[in-house]
C-alpha atoms as a PDB file:
ATOM      1  CA  MET A   1       4.367 -91.764 -50.384  1.00  0.00           C
ATOM      2  CA  ALA A   2       1.070 -89.719 -49.221  1.00  0.00           C
ATOM      3  CA  LEU A   3      -1.835 -91.524 -47.532  1.00  0.00           C
ATOM      4  CA  SER A   4      -5.141 -90.039 -46.761  1.00  0.00           C
ATOM      5  CA  VAL A   5      -7.108 -91.975 -44.268  1.00  0.00           C
ATOM      6  CA  PRO A   6     -10.883 -90.871 -43.388  1.00  0.00           C
ATOM      7  CA  ILE A   7     -11.267 -90.997 -39.609  1.00  0.00           C
ATOM      8  CA  GLY A   8     -14.537 -91.171 -37.680  1.00  0.00           C
ATOM      9  CA  GLU A   9     -17.086 -90.199 -40.585  1.00  0.00           C
ATOM     10  CA  GLY A  10     -20.343 -90.729 -38.733  1.00  0.00           C
ATOM     11  CA  ALA A  11     -21.887 -94.036 -38.142  1.00  0.00           C
ATOM     12  CA  GLY A  12     -20.381 -95.413 -41.379  1.00  0.00           C
ATOM     13  CA  GLY A  13     -16.795 -94.261 -40.535  1.00  0.00           C
ATOM     14  CA  LEU A  14     -14.156 -96.409 -39.078  1.00  0.00           C
ATOM     15  CA  GLY A  15     -13.527 -96.840 -35.405  1.00  0.00           C
ATOM     16  CA  GLY A  16     -10.550 -95.513 -33.588  1.00  0.00           C
ATOM     17  CA  ARG A  17      -8.761 -98.830 -33.151  1.00  0.00           C
ATOM     18  CA  GLU A  18      -9.302 -99.921 -36.826  1.00  0.00           C
ATOM     19  CA  ASN A  19      -7.968 -96.381 -38.028  1.00  0.00           C
ATOM     20  CA  MET A  20      -4.742 -96.940 -36.135  1.00  0.00           C
ATOM     21  CA  GLU A  21      -4.360-100.474 -37.401  1.00  0.00           C
ATOM     22  CA  LEU A  22      -4.770 -99.129 -41.014  1.00  0.00           C
ATOM     23  CA  VAL A  23      -2.324 -96.287 -40.464  1.00  0.00           C
ATOM     24  CA  ARG A  24       0.336 -98.662 -38.929  1.00  0.00           C
ATOM     25  CA  ALA A  25      -0.216-101.081 -42.007  1.00  0.00           C
ATOM     26  CA  ALA A  26       0.085 -98.129 -44.385  1.00  0.00           C
ATOM     27  CA  ARG A  27       3.177 -97.029 -42.858  1.00  0.00           C
ATOM     28  CA  ALA A  28       4.737-100.522 -43.049  1.00  0.00           C
ATOM     29  CA  GLU A  29       3.636-100.916 -46.685  1.00  0.00           C
ATOM     30  CA  ALA A  30       5.398 -97.515 -47.412  1.00  0.00           C
ATOM     31  CA  ALA A  31       8.639 -98.601 -45.647  1.00  0.00           C
ATOM     32  CA  ASP A  32       8.730-101.737 -47.519  1.00  0.00           C
ATOM     33  CA  GLU A  33       8.397-100.171 -50.691  1.00  0.00           C
ATOM     34  CA  ASP A  34      11.206 -97.794 -49.897  1.00  0.00           C
ATOM     35  CA  GLU A  35      13.484-100.773 -49.067  1.00  0.00           C
ATOM     36  CA  ALA A  36      12.641-102.126 -52.108  1.00  0.00           C
ATOM     37  CA  VAL A  37      13.543 -99.247 -54.202  1.00  0.00           C
ATOM     38  CA  LYS A  38      16.944 -99.193 -52.318  1.00  0.00           C
ATOM     39  CA  ALA A  39      17.735-102.631 -53.018  1.00  0.00           C
ATOM     40  CA  LEU A  40      16.871-102.099 -56.697  1.00  0.00           C
ATOM     41  CA  LEU A  41      19.266 -99.296 -56.706  1.00  0.00           C
ATOM     42  CA  ARG A  42      21.904-101.353 -55.027  1.00  0.00           C
ATOM     43  CA  ALA A  43      21.422-104.347 -57.335  1.00  0.00           C
ATOM     44  CA  HIS A  44      21.265-101.951 -60.713  1.00  0.00           C
ATOM     45  CA  ARG A  45      23.581 -99.016 -59.822  1.00  0.00           C
ATOM     46  CA  GLU A  46      24.428 -98.714 -63.275  1.00  0.00           C
ATOM     47  CA  LEU A  47      20.801 -97.326 -63.894  1.00  0.00           C
ATOM     48  CA  ILE A  48      22.167 -94.205 -61.991  1.00  0.00           C
ATOM     49  CA  LEU A  49      26.000 -94.018 -63.020  1.00  0.00           C
ATOM     50  CA  SER A  50      25.521 -94.562 -66.408  1.00  0.00           C
ATOM     51  CA  ASP A  51      22.685 -91.751 -66.853  1.00  0.00           C
ATOM     52  CA  ARG A  52      24.791 -88.509 -66.669  1.00  0.00           C
ATOM     53  CA  ALA A  53      21.520 -86.428 -67.144  1.00  0.00           C
ATOM     54  CA  LEU A  54      19.961 -88.103 -64.204  1.00  0.00           C
ATOM     55  CA  LEU A  55      23.332 -87.491 -62.068  1.00  0.00           C
ATOM     56  CA  ALA A  56      22.931 -83.678 -63.132  1.00  0.00           C
ATOM     57  CA  GLU A  57      19.255 -83.418 -61.969  1.00  0.00           C
ATOM     58  CA  LEU A  58      20.466 -85.011 -58.727  1.00  0.00           C
ATOM     59  CA  GLY A  59      23.335 -82.502 -58.198  1.00  0.00           C
ATOM     60  CA  LEU A  60      25.768 -85.384 -58.363  1.00  0.00           C
ATOM     61  CA  ARG A  61      28.618 -86.206 -60.675  1.00  0.00           C
ATOM     62  CA  LEU A  62      31.287 -88.817 -61.278  1.00  0.00           C
ATOM     63  CA  ASP A  63      35.061 -87.955 -60.578  1.00  0.00           C
ATOM     64  CA  ALA A  64      37.992 -89.534 -62.223  1.00  0.00           C
ATOM     65  CA  ALA A  65      37.923 -92.554 -59.731  1.00  0.00           C
ATOM     66  CA  ASN A  66      34.351 -93.369 -60.667  1.00  0.00           C
ATOM     67  CA  ILE A  67      33.064 -92.074 -57.311  1.00  0.00           C
ATOM     68  CA  VAL A  68      29.870 -90.102 -57.052  1.00  0.00           C
ATOM     69  CA  ASP A  69      30.962 -86.675 -56.003  1.00  0.00           C
ATOM     70  CA  PHE A  70      28.848 -83.411 -55.098  1.00  0.00           C
ATOM     71  CA  GLY A  71      28.011 -81.338 -58.367  1.00  0.00           C
ATOM     72  CA  PRO A  72      28.611 -77.933 -59.324  1.00  0.00           C
ATOM     73  CA  GLU A  73      25.318 -76.650 -57.649  1.00  0.00           C
ATOM     74  CA  ALA A  74      26.368 -78.142 -54.353  1.00  0.00           C
ATOM     75  CA  LEU A  75      29.819 -76.953 -54.577  1.00  0.00           C
ATOM     76  CA  SER A  76      28.506 -73.394 -55.239  1.00  0.00           C
ATOM     77  CA  ARG A  77      26.234 -73.580 -52.240  1.00  0.00           C
ATOM     78  CA  ALA A  78      29.124 -74.660 -50.089  1.00  0.00           C
ATOM     79  CA  ALA A  79      31.384 -71.860 -51.617  1.00  0.00           C
ATOM     80  CA  ALA A  80      28.529 -69.060 -51.128  1.00  0.00           C
ATOM     81  CA  ALA A  81      28.058 -70.181 -47.627  1.00  0.00           C
ATOM     82  CA  HIS A  82      31.836 -69.915 -47.101  1.00  0.00           C
ATOM     83  CA  LYS A  83      32.094 -66.543 -48.573  1.00  0.00           C
ATOM     84  CA  ARG A  84      29.259 -65.306 -46.306  1.00  0.00           C
ATOM     85  CA  GLU A  85      30.930 -66.528 -43.437  1.00  0.00           C
ATOM     86  CA  SER A  86      34.165 -65.044 -44.300  1.00  0.00           C
ATOM     87  CA  SER A  87      32.598 -61.836 -45.060  1.00  0.00           C
ATOM     88  CA  GLN A  88      30.834 -61.716 -41.626  1.00  0.00           C
ATOM     89  CA  ARG A  89      34.202 -62.645 -39.884  1.00  0.00           C
ATOM     90  CA  LYS A  90      36.032 -59.727 -41.670  1.00  0.00           C
ATOM     91  CA  ARG A  91      33.165 -57.335 -40.800  1.00  0.00           C
ATOM     92  CA  LEU A  92      33.566 -58.255 -37.060  1.00  0.00           C
ATOM     93  CA  GLU A  93      37.412 -57.926 -37.199  1.00  0.00           C
ATOM     94  CA  ALA A  94      36.998 -54.546 -38.828  1.00  0.00           C
ATOM     95  CA  VAL A  95      34.584 -53.380 -36.058  1.00  0.00           C
ATOM     96  CA  SER A  96      36.763 -54.745 -33.433  1.00  0.00           C
ATOM     97  CA  ARG A  97      39.854 -52.852 -34.891  1.00  0.00           C
ATOM     98  CA  ALA A  98      37.831 -49.657 -35.218  1.00  0.00           C
ATOM     99  CA  ASN A  99      36.675 -50.010 -31.588  1.00  0.00           C
ATOM    100  CA  PHE A 100      40.222 -50.522 -30.267  1.00  0.00           C
ATOM    101  CA  ALA A 101      41.289 -47.433 -32.450  1.00  0.00           C
ATOM    102  CA  ALA A 102      38.737 -45.141 -31.224  1.00  0.00           C
ATOM    103  CA  GLN A 103      39.482 -46.291 -27.714  1.00  0.00           C
ATOM    104  CA  THR A 104      43.137 -45.417 -28.222  1.00  0.00           C
ATOM    105  CA  ARG A 105      42.559 -42.139 -29.618  1.00  0.00           C
ATOM    106  CA  THR A 106      39.977 -41.257 -26.828  1.00  0.00           C
ATOM    107  CA  HIS A 107      42.495 -42.145 -24.266  1.00  0.00           C
ATOM    108  CA  ALA A 108      45.263 -39.926 -26.046  1.00  0.00           C
ATOM    109  CA  SER A 109      42.691 -37.169 -26.314  1.00  0.00           C
ATOM    110  CA  VAL A 110      41.932 -37.193 -22.682  1.00  0.00           C
ATOM    111  CA  ILE A 111      45.385 -37.052 -21.770  1.00  0.00           C
ATOM    112  CA  ASP A 112      46.051 -34.340 -24.235  1.00  0.00           C
ATOM    113  CA  LEU A 113      43.211 -32.237 -22.830  1.00  0.00           C
ATOM    114  CA  ILE A 114      43.999 -32.464 -19.230  1.00  0.00           C
ATOM    115  CA  GLU A 115      47.485 -31.272 -19.669  1.00  0.00           C
ATOM    116  CA  ALA A 116      46.343 -27.894 -20.702  1.00  0.00           C
ATOM    117  CA  ILE A 117      47.980 -24.985 -18.647  1.00  0.00           C
ATOM    118  CA  ASP A 118      45.308 -22.410 -19.319  1.00  0.00           C
ATOM    119  CA  LEU A 119      41.943 -21.662 -21.108  1.00  0.00           C
ATOM    120  CA  ALA A 120      44.073 -20.694 -24.416  1.00  0.00           C
ATOM    121  CA  ASP A 121      45.994 -23.821 -24.388  1.00  0.00           C
ATOM    122  CA  LEU A 122      42.868 -25.781 -23.625  1.00  0.00           C
ATOM    123  CA  ALA A 123      41.172 -24.321 -26.713  1.00  0.00           C
ATOM    124  CA  ARG A 124      44.066 -25.077 -28.968  1.00  0.00           C
ATOM    125  CA  ARG A 125      44.403 -28.677 -27.656  1.00  0.00           C
ATOM    126  CA  VAL A 126      40.543 -29.067 -28.650  1.00  0.00           C
ATOM    127  CA  ASP A 127      41.294 -28.296 -32.156  1.00  0.00           C
ATOM    128  CA  CYS A 128      44.408 -30.431 -32.077  1.00  0.00           C
ATOM    129  CA  VAL A 129      42.485 -33.288 -30.976  1.00  0.00           C
ATOM    130  CA  ALA A 130      39.709 -32.842 -33.410  1.00  0.00           C
ATOM    131  CA  ARG A 131      42.378 -32.787 -36.379  1.00  0.00           C
ATOM    132  CA  LEU A 132      44.960 -35.171 -35.239  1.00  0.00           C
ATOM    133  CA  GLN A 133      43.375 -37.687 -33.472  1.00  0.00           C
ATOM    134  CA  PHE A 134      39.917 -37.826 -35.321  1.00  0.00           C
ATOM    135  CA  GLY A 135      40.465 -36.427 -38.656  1.00  0.00           C
ATOM    136  CA  LEU A 136      38.144 -33.649 -38.477  1.00  0.00           C
ATOM    137  CA  LEU A 137      38.515 -30.245 -39.991  1.00  0.00           C
ATOM    138  CA  THR A 138      38.655 -28.236 -36.600  1.00  0.00           C
ATOM    139  CA  GLY A 139      37.265 -28.189 -33.085  1.00  0.00           C
ATOM    140  CA  VAL A 140      36.434 -24.865 -31.040  1.00  0.00           C
ATOM    141  CA  VAL A 141      35.269 -23.853 -27.759  1.00  0.00           C
ATOM    142  CA  ALA A 142      32.706 -20.897 -27.097  1.00  0.00           C
ATOM    143  CA  LEU A 143      31.591 -19.239 -24.247  1.00  0.00           C
ATOM    144  CA  GLU A 144      28.363 -17.133 -23.549  1.00  0.00           C
ATOM    145  CA  SER A 145      29.389 -13.834 -22.308  1.00  0.00           C
ATOM    146  CA  PRO A 146      28.182 -10.144 -22.064  1.00  0.00           C
ATOM    147  CA  ASP A 147      32.102  -9.386 -22.186  1.00  0.00           C
ATOM    148  CA  ALA A 148      35.130 -10.747 -23.883  1.00  0.00           C
ATOM    149  CA  ALA A 149      35.406 -14.616 -24.067  1.00  0.00           C
ATOM    150  CA  PRO A 150      38.827 -16.064 -22.643  1.00  0.00           C
ATOM    151  CA  PRO A 151      41.745 -16.099 -25.062  1.00  0.00           C
ATOM    152  CA  GLY A 152      41.307 -18.669 -27.820  1.00  0.00           C
ATOM    153  CA  TRP A 153      37.651 -18.993 -27.120  1.00  0.00           C
ATOM    154  CA  HIS A 154      34.749 -17.557 -29.233  1.00  0.00           C
ATOM    155  CA  ARG A 155      32.178 -15.200 -27.603  1.00  0.00           C
ATOM    156  CA  LEU A 156      28.527 -16.063 -27.939  1.00  0.00           C
ATOM    157  CA  ALA A 157      25.660 -13.699 -26.845  1.00  0.00           C
ATOM    158  CA  PRO A 158      23.381 -14.830 -23.941  1.00  0.00           C
ATOM    159  CA  GLY A 159      20.848 -17.110 -25.054  1.00  0.00           C
ATOM    160  CA  GLN A 160      22.828 -18.182 -28.279  1.00  0.00           C
ATOM    161  CA  ILE A 161      23.636 -21.799 -27.115  1.00  0.00           C
ATOM    162  CA  ASP A 162      19.709 -22.335 -26.923  1.00  0.00           C
ATOM    163  CA  LEU A 163      19.502 -21.357 -30.559  1.00  0.00           C
ATOM    164  CA  LEU A 164      22.257 -23.257 -31.648  1.00  0.00           C
ATOM    165  CA  VAL A 165      22.013 -26.484 -29.932  1.00  0.00           C
ATOM    166  CA  GLY A 166      18.210 -26.314 -28.766  1.00  0.00           C
ATOM    167  CA  ARG A 167      16.624 -25.355 -25.387  1.00  0.00           C
ATOM    168  CA  GLY A 168      17.201 -28.151 -22.957  1.00  0.00           C
ATOM    169  CA  LYS A 169      19.201 -30.144 -25.254  1.00  0.00           C
ATOM    170  CA  LEU A 170      22.985 -31.209 -24.742  1.00  0.00           C
ATOM    171  CA  VAL A 171      23.903 -32.378 -27.789  1.00  0.00           C
ATOM    172  CA  ARG A 172      23.002 -31.484 -31.550  1.00  0.00           C
ATOM    173  CA  MET A 173      24.850 -33.040 -34.690  1.00  0.00           C
ATOM    174  CA  GLY A 174      24.226 -32.834 -38.442  1.00  0.00           C
ATOM    175  CA  VAL A 175      24.143 -29.903 -41.076  1.00  0.00           C
ATOM    176  CA  ILE A 176      23.526 -26.872 -39.026  1.00  0.00           C
ATOM    177  CA  PRO A 177      23.891 -23.476 -41.092  1.00  0.00           C
ATOM    178  CA  THR A 178      23.660 -21.235 -38.009  1.00  0.00           C
ATOM    179  CA  ALA A 179      26.803 -23.074 -36.456  1.00  0.00           C
ATOM    180  CA  VAL A 180      29.147 -22.137 -39.245  1.00  0.00           C
ATOM    181  CA  GLY A 181      30.002 -18.939 -37.748  1.00  0.00           C
ATOM    182  CA  LEU A 182      31.771 -20.457 -34.786  1.00  0.00           C
ATOM    183  CA  PHE A 183      34.445 -21.731 -37.099  1.00  0.00           C
ATOM    184  CA  GLY A 184      35.474 -18.280 -38.474  1.00  0.00           C
ATOM    185  CA  GLU A 185      37.272 -18.253 -41.960  1.00  0.00           C
ATOM    186  CA  LEU A 186      36.563 -22.282 -42.208  1.00  0.00           C
ATOM    187  CA  GLY A 187      32.943 -21.617 -42.087  1.00  0.00           C
ATOM    188  CA  PRO A 188      32.413 -21.878 -46.117  1.00  0.00           C
ATOM    189  CA  ILE A 189      34.032 -25.489 -46.375  1.00  0.00           C
ATOM    190  CA  ILE A 190      31.896 -26.909 -43.268  1.00  0.00           C
ATOM    191  CA  GLY A 191      29.646 -29.966 -44.077  1.00  0.00           C
ATOM    192  CA  SER A 192      28.597 -30.814 -40.766  1.00  0.00           C
ATOM    193  CA  VAL A 193      29.178 -30.408 -37.049  1.00  0.00           C
ATOM    194  CA  ALA A 194      28.515 -31.800 -33.531  1.00  0.00           C
ATOM    195  CA  LEU A 195      27.642 -29.347 -30.816  1.00  0.00           C
ATOM    196  CA  VAL A 196      27.794 -30.075 -27.099  1.00  0.00           C
ATOM    197  CA  ARG A 197      26.576 -27.871 -24.284  1.00  0.00           C
ATOM    198  CA  LEU A 198      29.099 -27.026 -21.426  1.00  0.00           C
ATOM    199  CA  VAL A 199      27.897 -26.205 -18.031  1.00  0.00           C
ATOM    200  CA  MET A 200      31.031 -25.074 -16.100  1.00  0.00           C
ATOM    201  CA  ARG A 201      31.015 -24.328 -12.260  1.00  0.00           C
ATOM    202  CA  PRO A 202      30.866 -22.787  -9.838  1.00  0.00           C
ATOM    203  CA  GLU A 203      29.038 -19.951 -11.709  1.00  0.00           C
ATOM    204  CA  ARG A 204      27.380 -22.430 -14.115  1.00  0.00           C
ATOM    205  CA  ARG A 205      28.762 -20.598 -17.028  1.00  0.00           C
ATOM    206  CA  GLU A 206      27.427 -22.133 -20.238  1.00  0.00           C
ATOM    207  CA  GLY A 207      29.599 -22.821 -23.301  1.00  0.00           C
ATOM    208  CA  VAL A 208      29.736 -25.105 -26.309  1.00  0.00           C
ATOM    209  CA  VAL A 209      32.303 -27.389 -27.687  1.00  0.00           C
ATOM    210  CA  ALA A 210      31.806 -27.822 -31.516  1.00  0.00           C
ATOM    211  CA  PHE A 211      33.603 -30.189 -33.971  1.00  0.00           C
ATOM    212  CA  ALA A 212      33.363 -29.735 -37.676  1.00  0.00           C
ATOM    213  CA  GLY A 213      34.018 -32.019 -40.592  1.00  0.00           C
ATOM    214  CA  VAL A 214      34.032 -31.210 -44.392  1.00  0.00           C
ATOM    215  CA  GLU A 215      31.683 -34.000 -45.279  1.00  0.00           C
ATOM    216  CA  LYS A 216      27.978 -33.552 -44.739  1.00  0.00           C
ATOM    217  CA  ASP A 217      27.835 -36.882 -43.513  1.00  0.00           C
ATOM    218  CA  ALA A 218      30.727 -36.630 -40.964  1.00  0.00           C
ATOM    219  CA  PHE A 219      27.946 -36.001 -38.206  1.00  0.00           C
ATOM    220  CA  ALA A 220      24.357 -36.770 -38.373  1.00  0.00           C
ATOM    221  CA  ALA A 221      21.289 -36.344 -35.983  1.00  0.00           C
ATOM    222  CA  ASP A 222      20.868 -40.197 -35.851  1.00  0.00           C
ATOM    223  CA  MET A 223      24.626 -40.968 -35.011  1.00  0.00           C
ATOM    224  CA  GLY A 224      25.591 -41.870 -31.348  1.00  0.00           C
ATOM    225  CA  SER A 225      27.064 -38.977 -29.347  1.00  0.00           C
ATOM    226  CA  ASP A 226      28.825 -40.731 -26.569  1.00  0.00           C
ATOM    227  CA  LEU A 227      32.281 -39.841 -27.791  1.00  0.00           C
ATOM    228  CA  VAL A 228      31.687 -36.312 -28.300  1.00  0.00           C
ATOM    229  CA  SER A 229      29.657 -35.760 -25.076  1.00  0.00           C
ATOM    230  CA  PHE A 230      32.572 -37.570 -23.186  1.00  0.00           C
ATOM    231  CA  LEU A 231      35.046 -35.379 -24.797  1.00  0.00           C
ATOM    232  CA  ALA A 232      32.939 -32.388 -23.904  1.00  0.00           C
ATOM    233  CA  ARG A 233      32.874 -33.254 -20.204  1.00  0.00           C
ATOM    234  CA  VAL A 234      36.690 -33.674 -20.237  1.00  0.00           C
ATOM    235  CA  VAL A 235      36.797 -30.071 -21.544  1.00  0.00           C
ATOM    236  CA  GLU A 236      34.259 -28.842 -18.973  1.00  0.00           C
ATOM    237  CA  ARG A 237      36.012 -30.361 -16.024  1.00  0.00           C
ATOM    238  CA  THR A 238      39.380 -29.177 -17.264  1.00  0.00           C
ATOM    239  CA  ALA A 239      38.066 -25.545 -17.875  1.00  0.00           C
ATOM    240  CA  GLU A 240      36.733 -25.184 -14.384  1.00  0.00           C
ATOM    241  CA  ARG A 241      40.537 -24.989 -13.102  1.00  0.00           C
ATOM    242  CA  TRP A 242      40.420 -21.325 -14.140  1.00  0.00           C
ATOM    243  CA  PRO A 243      38.122 -18.398 -13.723  1.00  0.00           C
ATOM    244  CA  LEU A 244      36.185 -17.597 -16.927  1.00  0.00           C
END
């Protein structure tokens, strides 16, 4: 029950104490009316139980034991809530499994890379890690050099890495047509790539490790680059064992 009481309307308005008494009286009257309605329903429950249309409007129904039960609408809401909760739980479980699988593949990849016996073997292992551990098309390593590159590595002209990755940038991912030449005969089927700059000591020779996928969305500019950057650092430190 809604009640509107004028309070302090100039000289003719009601005073504060009178207002409070009026409000309390109104609330007590409303409470009495509520109790009277409840008592009426208890005394004449057949008014509701015999009116199936009213039960339906209230979202209630009678079961076989003559007990008022939640109706289809209420059950539908409960089922929808359960479905949402189940879906969210399944998504969390899927993310957890994917994270665990990625950690396992990363660990295996690091072990595989650091066991390389020379630069040529390291290049071969980068390709194997890309294909076997992460389901990519290929992985290659390249070195900026005025002369020949190490066996298994692609040679890039001085300054070419800045053109591919971007001046001052460490990582670039997405559809990069200028990087297709890094992948030789596989170039025509490359969809997207991830390029990570390498800086190898002690001469600070610059190179790049490149991963390629067939799909155009295998790599995108807004993707996180933590994993490919980490693998590139492993390649970088491993390559420093041998003269370039």
